Amino acid sequence: LKRANADCTVNSSTYAGGKIAMDMNCKLPTGTMAMKTTGTYTATSMASDAEVSMTGKTSMTQKVHSEAHRVGECS
């Protein structure tokens, strides 16, 4: 597998006080990508929503919702 070269800039990023926020843009060999993420976290859980938009040779928009919680100690 060959990885695409990406030139990414994180415009803003916050992971503090139970809040998640990130805004990032990337220049890809085939176009551009923009990603915005918002969410919340605690010591035992997290939830986030992200929207990714790609333009160029391939254009698409994707929305992703993620949730996670701690289930116990690692074995």
C-alpha atoms as a PDB file:
ATOM      1  CA  LEU A   1       0.000   0.000   0.000  1.00  0.00           C
ATOM      2  CA  LYS A   2       1.177   3.475  -0.841  1.00  0.00           C
ATOM      3  CA  ARG A   3       0.132   6.371   1.415  1.00  0.00           C
ATOM      4  CA  ALA A   4      -0.995   9.625  -0.175  1.00  0.00           C
ATOM      5  CA  ASN A   5       1.075  12.671   0.712  1.00  0.00           C
ATOM      6  CA  ALA A   6      -1.057  15.168   2.625  1.00  0.00           C
ATOM      7  CA  ASP A   7      -0.227  18.726   3.673  1.00  0.00           C
ATOM      8  CA  CYS A   8      -2.499  19.290   6.683  1.00  0.00           C
ATOM      9  CA  THR A   9      -3.029  22.341   8.856  1.00  0.00           C
ATOM     10  CA  VAL A  10      -4.807  22.166  12.211  1.00  0.00           C
ATOM     11  CA  ASN A  11      -6.585  25.528  12.429  1.00  0.00           C
ATOM     12  CA  SER A  12      -7.766  24.962  15.996  1.00  0.00           C
ATOM     13  CA  SER A  13      -7.717  22.098  18.473  1.00  0.00           C
ATOM     14  CA  THR A  14      -9.160  21.859  21.991  1.00  0.00           C
ATOM     15  CA  TYR A  15      -9.150  18.823  24.266  1.00  0.00           C
ATOM     16  CA  ALA A  16      -9.765  20.342  27.689  1.00  0.00           C
ATOM     17  CA  GLY A  17     -12.455  20.746  30.307  1.00  0.00           C
ATOM     18  CA  GLY A  18     -14.525  17.891  28.930  1.00  0.00           C
ATOM     19  CA  LYS A  19     -14.765  19.441  25.457  1.00  0.00           C
ATOM     20  CA  ILE A  20     -13.393  18.282  22.126  1.00  0.00           C
ATOM     21  CA  ALA A  21     -13.129  20.674  19.163  1.00  0.00           C
ATOM     22  CA  MET A  22     -10.905  20.415  16.108  1.00  0.00           C
ATOM     23  CA  ASP A  23     -10.819  22.141  12.717  1.00  0.00           C
ATOM     24  CA  MET A  24      -8.358  20.892  10.095  1.00  0.00           C
ATOM     25  CA  ASN A  25      -7.729  21.389   6.363  1.00  0.00           C
ATOM     26  CA  CYS A  26      -5.557  19.227   4.123  1.00  0.00           C
ATOM     27  CA  LYS A  27      -4.183  19.608   0.622  1.00  0.00           C
ATOM     28  CA  LEU A  28      -4.149  16.179  -1.000  1.00  0.00           C
ATOM     29  CA  PRO A  29      -2.586  15.154  -4.322  1.00  0.00           C
ATOM     30  CA  THR A  30      -6.129  14.820  -5.725  1.00  0.00           C
ATOM     31  CA  GLY A  31      -7.863  17.815  -4.066  1.00  0.00           C
ATOM     32  CA  THR A  32      -8.648  19.164  -0.610  1.00  0.00           C
ATOM     33  CA  MET A  33     -10.181  17.876   2.609  1.00  0.00           C
ATOM     34  CA  ALA A  34     -11.767  19.806   5.489  1.00  0.00           C
ATOM     35  CA  MET A  35     -12.663  18.190   8.818  1.00  0.00           C
ATOM     36  CA  LYS A  36     -14.486  19.623  11.823  1.00  0.00           C
ATOM     37  CA  THR A  37     -14.995  17.635  15.017  1.00  0.00           C
ATOM     38  CA  THR A  38     -16.906  18.509  18.189  1.00  0.00           C
ATOM     39  CA  GLY A  39     -17.647  16.411  21.251  1.00  0.00           C
ATOM     40  CA  THR A  40     -17.359  15.767  24.945  1.00  0.00           C
ATOM     41  CA  TYR A  41     -15.380  13.443  27.200  1.00  0.00           C
ATOM     42  CA  THR A  42     -15.099  12.265  30.788  1.00  0.00           C
ATOM     43  CA  ALA A  43     -12.591   9.963  32.477  1.00  0.00           C
ATOM     44  CA  THR A  44     -14.657   6.966  31.346  1.00  0.00           C
ATOM     45  CA  SER A  45     -16.487   8.013  28.162  1.00  0.00           C
ATOM     46  CA  MET A  46     -16.441  10.155  25.034  1.00  0.00           C
ATOM     47  CA  ALA A  47     -18.825  11.194  22.270  1.00  0.00           C
ATOM     48  CA  SER A  48     -17.973  13.104  19.105  1.00  0.00           C
ATOM     49  CA  ASP A  49     -19.426  14.272  15.811  1.00  0.00           C
ATOM     50  CA  ALA A  50     -17.219  14.860  12.790  1.00  0.00           C
ATOM     51  CA  GLU A  51     -17.908  16.163   9.313  1.00  0.00           C
ATOM     52  CA  VAL A  52     -15.403  15.536   6.537  1.00  0.00           C
ATOM     53  CA  SER A  53     -15.681  17.187   3.120  1.00  0.00           C
ATOM     54  CA  MET A  54     -13.455  16.294   0.187  1.00  0.00           C
ATOM     55  CA  THR A  55     -13.305  18.149  -3.112  1.00  0.00           C
ATOM     56  CA  GLY A  56     -11.260  17.489  -6.218  1.00  0.00           C
ATOM     57  CA  LYS A  57     -10.926  14.283  -8.214  1.00  0.00           C
ATOM     58  CA  THR A  58     -13.235  12.620  -5.685  1.00  0.00           C
ATOM     59  CA  SER A  59     -15.866  14.777  -3.966  1.00  0.00           C
ATOM     60  CA  MET A  60     -17.866  13.655  -0.934  1.00  0.00           C
ATOM     61  CA  THR A  61     -19.150  14.678   2.461  1.00  0.00           C
ATOM     62  CA  GLN A  62     -19.203  12.272   5.380  1.00  0.00           C
ATOM     63  CA  LYS A  63     -20.708  12.685   8.841  1.00  0.00           C
ATOM     64  CA  VAL A  64     -19.526  10.410  11.650  1.00  0.00           C
ATOM     65  CA  HIS A  65     -20.859  10.058  15.197  1.00  0.00           C
ATOM     66  CA  SER A  66     -18.709   8.085  17.668  1.00  0.00           C
ATOM     67  CA  GLU A  67     -19.311   7.023  21.250  1.00  0.00           C
ATOM     68  CA  ALA A  68     -17.054   5.082  23.578  1.00  0.00           C
ATOM     69  CA  HIS A  69     -17.012   4.057  27.202  1.00  0.00           C
ATOM     70  CA  ARG A  70     -14.583   2.279  29.477  1.00  0.00           C
ATOM     71  CA  VAL A  71     -15.498  -1.338  30.043  1.00  0.00           C
ATOM     72  CA  GLY A  72     -12.823  -2.268  32.599  1.00  0.00           C
ATOM     73  CA  GLU A  73      -9.172  -2.960  33.187  1.00  0.00           C
ATOM     74  CA  CYS A  74      -7.010  -4.263  30.346  1.00  0.00           C
ATOM     75  CA  SER A  75      -6.036  -7.896  30.671  1.00  0.00           C
END
